[in-house]
Amino acid sequence: MRNIVAKLCATNTLAKLCAFVLSAHMIRIRRHLLVAFLALPLLGLRAAESPMTPSQIDQAVRLESLTIPMPGEFFAAINKLERPNWKQLVRTGTPEATANRAQIALVLGTLVADGYIAVEAQDGQGVKNIGKEIINLAKKLNVSQSVLGRGNSINDFAENNDWNALREELEATQNEVKLDMFEQKDSNLVTLVSLGAWVRGTELTSGLIERSYTPESARLLRQPAIIAYLLEQINSLPQAMRDDPLIARLRVTLEKSLGFVNAETPSKENVTELHTAMSSVANAIATGQ
């Protein structure tokens, strides 16, 4: 089918339009594959097993869509209640250098969340700095050139103050990195990127809610099913990775955090405890300590 469309695109009149259509078509395919791949652990499948049936793929897509909210979703919900001073929340500095691939994946996830914070603050230089760090870490994980090219896109959108495009580009960059990891049979690192982004997003969100507590805002943090899913993913990691002190600490923190978000409306004390726990583990991810 793609070859037929390509032939029709040979005329100069349709060339640009068809190039766009083909590009968009392939992006949609990669996104659907990514979503299905990320949901494989939920279905108890492994890449070496038989291909997924159409019904299994559909189930995977639906399950993943309910799994882990992107940091931008957290922040959009916060904005609807009371827009914070995002500029005060942009984190500066670079992560500690490390050769630990698990920590690199976790840090990469937290940087994606920081990118969304910089976008909310409309801090163009901050976005460019964070985008550079994301690409540097992605290189350490041997991602493809298609991911590295997104660094230029992030810079271009930041230069033009195109904040909506930057939000989409951050999500696309994270998805591209995850897909590359899966294709390299590093699916365990995919889990850690998602976990790092969720930890940083929850740290910031719980801190904002703690400062201006309302029952309505506290209900944004009621996510026991998500924490249970993250714990399931950690427990499915190889034993050597589960024994890593940082991963072990993450597991303990998540187990403890379940008690803070089980109530229909988490109390202010629950929110404070959750924020303390997430801040501690986010610092551990950044420093490796």
Protein backbone atom coordinates (compact mmCIF):
# COMPACT_ATOMS: atom_id res chain seq x y z
CA MET A 1 0.00 0.00 0.00
CA ARG A 2 2.78 2.41 0.89
CA ASN A 3 4.52 1.75 -2.45
CA ILE A 4 1.32 2.59 -4.35
CA VAL A 5 0.92 5.84 -2.45
CA ALA A 6 4.59 6.67 -3.07
CA LYS A 7 4.13 6.26 -6.83
CA LEU A 8 1.15 8.58 -6.79
CA CYS A 9 3.32 11.10 -4.99
CA ALA A 10 5.83 11.25 -7.84
CA THR A 11 4.20 14.34 -9.37
CA ASN A 12 5.55 17.67 -8.16
CA THR A 13 2.06 18.92 -7.39
CA LEU A 14 1.38 16.27 -4.78
CA ALA A 15 4.92 15.66 -3.52
CA LYS A 16 4.80 17.77 -0.38
CA LEU A 17 1.31 16.73 0.62
CA CYS A 18 2.08 13.03 0.13
CA ALA A 19 5.34 13.28 2.05
CA PHE A 20 3.40 14.69 4.96
CA VAL A 21 0.76 11.95 4.73
CA LEU A 22 3.36 9.18 4.60
CA SER A 23 5.26 10.67 7.53
CA ALA A 24 2.12 10.98 9.62
CA HIS A 25 1.11 7.44 8.67
CA MET A 26 4.42 5.99 9.89
CA ILE A 27 4.30 8.04 13.10
CA ARG A 28 0.83 6.65 13.86
CA ILE A 29 2.07 3.11 13.24
CA ARG A 30 5.06 3.61 15.56
CA ARG A 31 2.82 5.07 18.27
CA HIS A 32 0.39 2.14 18.13
CA LEU A 33 3.26 -0.34 18.20
CA LEU A 34 4.83 1.47 21.13
CA VAL A 35 1.62 1.43 23.14
CA ALA A 36 1.16 -2.27 22.46
CA PHE A 37 4.78 -3.04 23.34
CA LEU A 38 4.67 -1.10 26.61
CA ALA A 39 1.60 -3.03 27.68
CA LEU A 40 3.11 -6.47 27.07
CA PRO A 41 4.02 -7.04 30.75
CA LEU A 42 0.36 -6.49 31.66
CA LEU A 43 -0.62 -9.40 29.43
CA GLY A 44 2.13 -11.71 30.65
CA LEU A 45 3.74 -11.78 27.19
CA ARG A 46 7.35 -11.75 26.08
CA ALA A 47 8.83 -10.74 22.73
CA ALA A 48 10.00 -14.29 22.05
CA GLU A 49 6.47 -15.66 22.22
CA SER A 50 3.89 -15.86 19.42
CA PRO A 51 2.64 -12.58 17.86
CA MET A 52 -0.23 -10.75 19.53
CA THR A 53 -3.69 -11.28 18.09
CA PRO A 54 -5.76 -8.21 17.07
CA SER A 55 -7.85 -8.57 20.23
CA GLN A 56 -4.72 -8.72 22.40
CA ILE A 57 -3.32 -5.61 20.74
CA ASP A 58 -6.62 -3.81 21.33
CA GLN A 59 -6.53 -4.86 24.98
CA ALA A 60 -2.93 -3.70 25.29
CA VAL A 61 -3.74 -0.29 23.84
CA ARG A 62 -6.70 0.15 26.18
CA LEU A 63 -4.77 -0.97 29.24
CA GLU A 64 -1.78 1.27 28.56
CA SER A 65 -4.06 4.26 27.96
CA LEU A 66 -5.24 3.85 31.55
CA THR A 67 -1.85 3.21 33.06
CA ILE A 68 0.59 6.05 33.70
CA PRO A 69 -0.39 9.70 33.18
CA MET A 70 2.15 11.90 31.44
CA PRO A 71 3.55 14.74 33.60
CA GLY A 72 1.81 17.22 31.33
CA GLU A 73 -1.56 15.72 32.32
CA PHE A 74 -0.78 16.32 35.99
CA PHE A 75 0.18 19.91 35.30
CA ALA A 76 -2.80 20.64 33.04
CA ALA A 77 -5.12 19.46 35.83
CA ILE A 78 -3.31 21.69 38.34
CA ASN A 79 -3.65 24.68 36.00
CA LYS A 80 -7.42 24.22 35.91
CA LEU A 81 -7.58 24.58 39.69
CA GLU A 82 -5.04 27.31 40.32
CA ARG A 83 -2.16 28.23 38.03
CA PRO A 84 1.12 28.08 40.01
CA ASN A 85 4.18 30.22 39.46
CA TRP A 86 5.86 27.66 37.22
CA LYS A 87 8.98 29.78 36.75
CA GLN A 88 9.89 29.19 40.39
CA LEU A 89 9.65 25.45 39.87
CA VAL A 90 12.03 25.04 36.92
CA ARG A 91 14.92 22.88 38.13
CA THR A 92 18.42 23.98 37.14
CA GLY A 93 21.67 22.05 37.08
CA THR A 94 22.62 18.80 35.40
CA PRO A 95 22.16 15.25 36.71
CA GLU A 96 25.06 13.43 38.35
CA ALA A 97 27.15 11.48 35.84
CA THR A 98 26.58 7.75 36.06
CA ALA A 99 27.23 4.58 34.07
CA ASN A 100 24.30 2.76 35.69
CA ARG A 101 21.83 2.20 32.84
CA ALA A 102 18.89 1.78 35.22
CA GLN A 103 19.63 5.12 36.86
CA ILE A 104 20.13 6.79 33.46
CA ALA A 105 16.65 5.61 32.39
CA LEU A 106 15.09 6.89 35.63
CA VAL A 107 16.85 10.26 35.32
CA LEU A 108 15.76 10.53 31.70
CA GLY A 109 12.15 10.13 32.85
CA THR A 110 12.51 12.86 35.48
CA LEU A 111 13.99 15.18 32.85
CA VAL A 112 10.96 14.68 30.63
CA ALA A 113 8.81 15.88 33.55
CA ASP A 114 11.16 18.84 34.05
CA GLY A 115 10.72 19.68 30.38
CA TYR A 116 6.97 19.97 30.88
CA ILE A 117 7.59 22.26 33.88
CA ALA A 118 9.79 24.53 31.74
CA VAL A 119 7.10 24.61 29.04
CA GLU A 120 4.46 25.60 31.60
CA ALA A 121 6.83 28.35 32.76
CA GLN A 122 7.34 29.36 29.10
CA ASP A 123 11.08 29.23 29.79
CA GLY A 124 12.59 28.73 26.34
CA GLN A 125 16.19 28.46 27.53
CA GLY A 126 15.17 26.05 30.25
CA VAL A 127 13.43 23.82 27.70
CA LYS A 128 16.51 23.85 25.46
CA ASN A 129 18.81 22.97 28.38
CA ILE A 130 16.58 20.10 29.46
CA GLY A 131 16.20 18.88 25.87
CA LYS A 132 19.98 18.80 25.56
CA GLU A 133 20.27 16.72 28.74
CA ILE A 134 17.58 14.31 27.53
CA ILE A 135 19.45 13.77 24.26
CA ASN A 136 22.79 13.34 26.07
CA LEU A 137 21.32 10.63 28.28
CA ALA A 138 19.57 9.02 25.32
CA LYS A 139 22.95 8.74 23.57
CA LYS A 140 24.27 6.77 26.54
CA LEU A 141 21.44 4.31 26.00
CA ASN A 142 22.37 3.93 22.30
CA VAL A 143 19.15 5.30 20.82
CA SER A 144 18.75 5.89 17.09
CA GLN A 145 19.49 9.02 15.11
CA SER A 146 15.74 9.71 14.79
CA VAL A 147 15.66 10.40 18.54
CA LEU A 148 18.75 12.59 18.45
CA GLY A 149 17.18 14.71 15.71
CA ARG A 150 14.41 15.70 18.10
CA GLY A 151 16.90 17.84 19.99
CA ASN A 152 16.94 20.24 17.03
CA SER A 153 13.14 20.28 16.92
CA ILE A 154 12.96 21.14 20.62
CA ASN A 155 15.40 24.01 20.09
CA ASP A 156 13.46 25.33 17.09
CA PHE A 157 10.12 25.27 18.90
CA ALA A 158 11.69 26.91 21.97
CA GLU A 159 13.18 29.68 19.81
CA ASN A 160 9.71 30.37 18.38
CA ASN A 161 7.94 30.12 21.77
CA ASP A 162 5.68 27.42 20.32
CA TRP A 163 4.62 25.94 23.65
CA ASN A 164 1.92 23.60 22.33
CA ALA A 165 4.34 22.10 19.82
CA LEU A 166 6.93 21.72 22.59
CA ARG A 167 4.51 19.71 24.71
CA GLU A 168 3.90 17.39 21.77
CA GLU A 169 7.61 17.16 20.99
CA LEU A 170 8.47 16.19 24.58
CA GLU A 171 5.91 13.41 24.46
CA ALA A 172 7.15 12.30 21.03
CA THR A 173 10.75 12.30 22.26
CA GLN A 174 9.90 10.15 25.27
CA ASN A 175 7.88 7.75 23.10
CA GLU A 176 10.68 7.55 20.52
CA VAL A 177 13.24 6.73 23.23
CA LYS A 178 10.96 4.03 24.67
CA LEU A 179 10.37 2.48 21.26
CA ASP A 180 14.11 2.39 20.56
CA MET A 181 14.70 0.72 23.92
CA PHE A 182 12.11 -1.92 23.13
CA GLU A 183 13.57 -2.55 19.69
CA GLN A 184 17.00 -3.01 21.35
CA LYS A 185 15.40 -5.52 23.75
CA ASP A 186 15.84 -3.06 26.63
CA SER A 187 12.16 -3.17 27.59
CA ASN A 188 13.13 -3.11 31.28
CA LEU A 189 14.48 0.41 30.79
CA VAL A 190 11.13 1.45 29.28
CA THR A 191 9.52 0.73 32.65
CA LEU A 192 12.13 2.88 34.42
CA VAL A 193 11.70 5.88 32.09
CA SER A 194 7.96 5.86 32.78
CA LEU A 195 8.58 5.43 36.50
CA GLY A 196 11.05 8.33 36.63
CA ALA A 197 8.61 10.66 34.87
CA TRP A 198 5.77 9.62 37.19
CA VAL A 199 7.88 10.11 40.35
CA ARG A 200 8.97 13.61 39.33
CA GLY A 201 5.46 14.58 38.21
CA THR A 202 3.97 13.30 41.47
CA GLU A 203 6.65 15.03 43.54
CA LEU A 204 5.84 18.40 42.00
CA THR A 205 2.06 17.93 41.98
CA SER A 206 1.91 16.82 45.61
CA GLY A 207 4.11 19.76 46.61
CA LEU A 208 1.80 22.24 44.89
CA ILE A 209 -1.29 20.66 46.47
CA GLU A 210 0.37 20.66 49.88
CA ARG A 211 0.93 24.42 49.65
CA SER A 212 -2.68 25.19 48.74
CA TYR A 213 -4.61 22.15 49.95
CA THR A 214 -8.19 21.62 48.85
CA PRO A 215 -10.12 18.33 48.78
CA GLU A 216 -10.67 18.78 45.03
CA SER A 217 -6.97 19.14 44.27
CA ALA A 218 -6.04 16.28 46.63
CA ARG A 219 -8.21 13.90 44.63
CA LEU A 220 -5.76 14.31 41.72
CA LEU A 221 -3.35 12.19 43.75
CA ARG A 222 -5.72 9.27 44.35
CA GLN A 223 -3.88 6.76 42.17
CA PRO A 224 -3.64 3.40 44.00
CA ALA A 225 -4.13 1.43 40.77
CA ILE A 226 -1.26 3.25 39.10
CA ILE A 227 1.09 2.66 42.05
CA ALA A 228 0.06 -1.00 42.14
CA TYR A 229 0.83 -1.25 38.42
CA LEU A 230 4.25 0.38 38.89
CA LEU A 231 5.04 -2.07 41.69
CA GLU A 232 4.02 -4.92 39.41
CA GLN A 233 6.41 -3.63 36.76
CA ILE A 234 9.27 -3.32 39.25
CA ASN A 235 8.65 -6.84 40.50
CA SER A 236 8.81 -8.14 36.92
CA LEU A 237 12.33 -6.74 36.41
CA PRO A 238 15.28 -9.17 36.35
CA GLN A 239 16.55 -10.11 39.80
CA ALA A 240 19.85 -8.29 39.34
CA MET A 241 18.01 -5.06 38.56
CA ARG A 242 15.58 -5.53 41.46
CA ASP A 243 18.58 -5.91 43.78
CA ASP A 244 19.97 -2.52 42.71
CA PRO A 245 19.77 -0.30 45.85
CA LEU A 246 18.01 2.50 43.95
CA ILE A 247 15.37 0.17 42.51
CA ALA A 248 14.88 -1.47 45.91
CA ARG A 249 14.36 1.96 47.46
CA LEU A 250 11.84 2.87 44.78
CA ARG A 251 9.88 -0.30 45.51
CA VAL A 252 9.78 0.40 49.26
CA THR A 253 8.72 4.02 48.65
CA LEU A 254 5.89 2.98 46.33
CA GLU A 255 4.66 0.35 48.78
CA LYS A 256 4.54 2.98 51.52
CA SER A 257 2.90 5.52 49.23
CA LEU A 258 -0.06 3.23 48.58
CA GLY A 259 -1.33 4.10 52.06
CA PHE A 260 -1.24 7.82 51.25
CA VAL A 261 -3.51 7.66 48.19
CA ASN A 262 -6.07 4.98 49.04
CA ALA A 263 -8.68 7.30 50.53
CA GLU A 264 -11.23 8.84 48.18
CA THR A 265 -9.91 12.24 49.23
CA PRO A 266 -6.33 12.13 50.57
CA SER A 267 -5.95 14.26 53.70
CA LYS A 268 -3.47 17.11 53.89
CA GLU A 269 -1.29 14.90 56.07
CA ASN A 270 -1.40 12.19 53.37
CA VAL A 271 -0.41 14.74 50.74
CA THR A 272 2.51 15.93 52.87
CA GLU A 273 3.70 12.36 53.44
CA LEU A 274 3.43 11.58 49.74
CA HIS A 275 5.38 14.71 48.81
CA THR A 276 8.12 13.88 51.33
CA ALA A 277 8.41 10.34 49.99
CA MET A 278 8.50 11.41 46.33
CA SER A 279 11.01 14.22 46.99
CA SER A 280 13.32 11.80 48.77
CA VAL A 281 13.26 9.20 46.03
CA ALA A 282 13.51 11.83 43.26
CA ASN A 283 16.67 13.12 44.94
CA ALA A 284 18.00 9.57 45.12
CA ILE A 285 17.38 9.15 41.39
CA ALA A 286 19.21 12.40 40.61
CA THR A 287 22.22 11.64 42.81
CA GLY A 288 22.31 7.85 42.74
CA GLN A 289 22.61 7.82 46.52
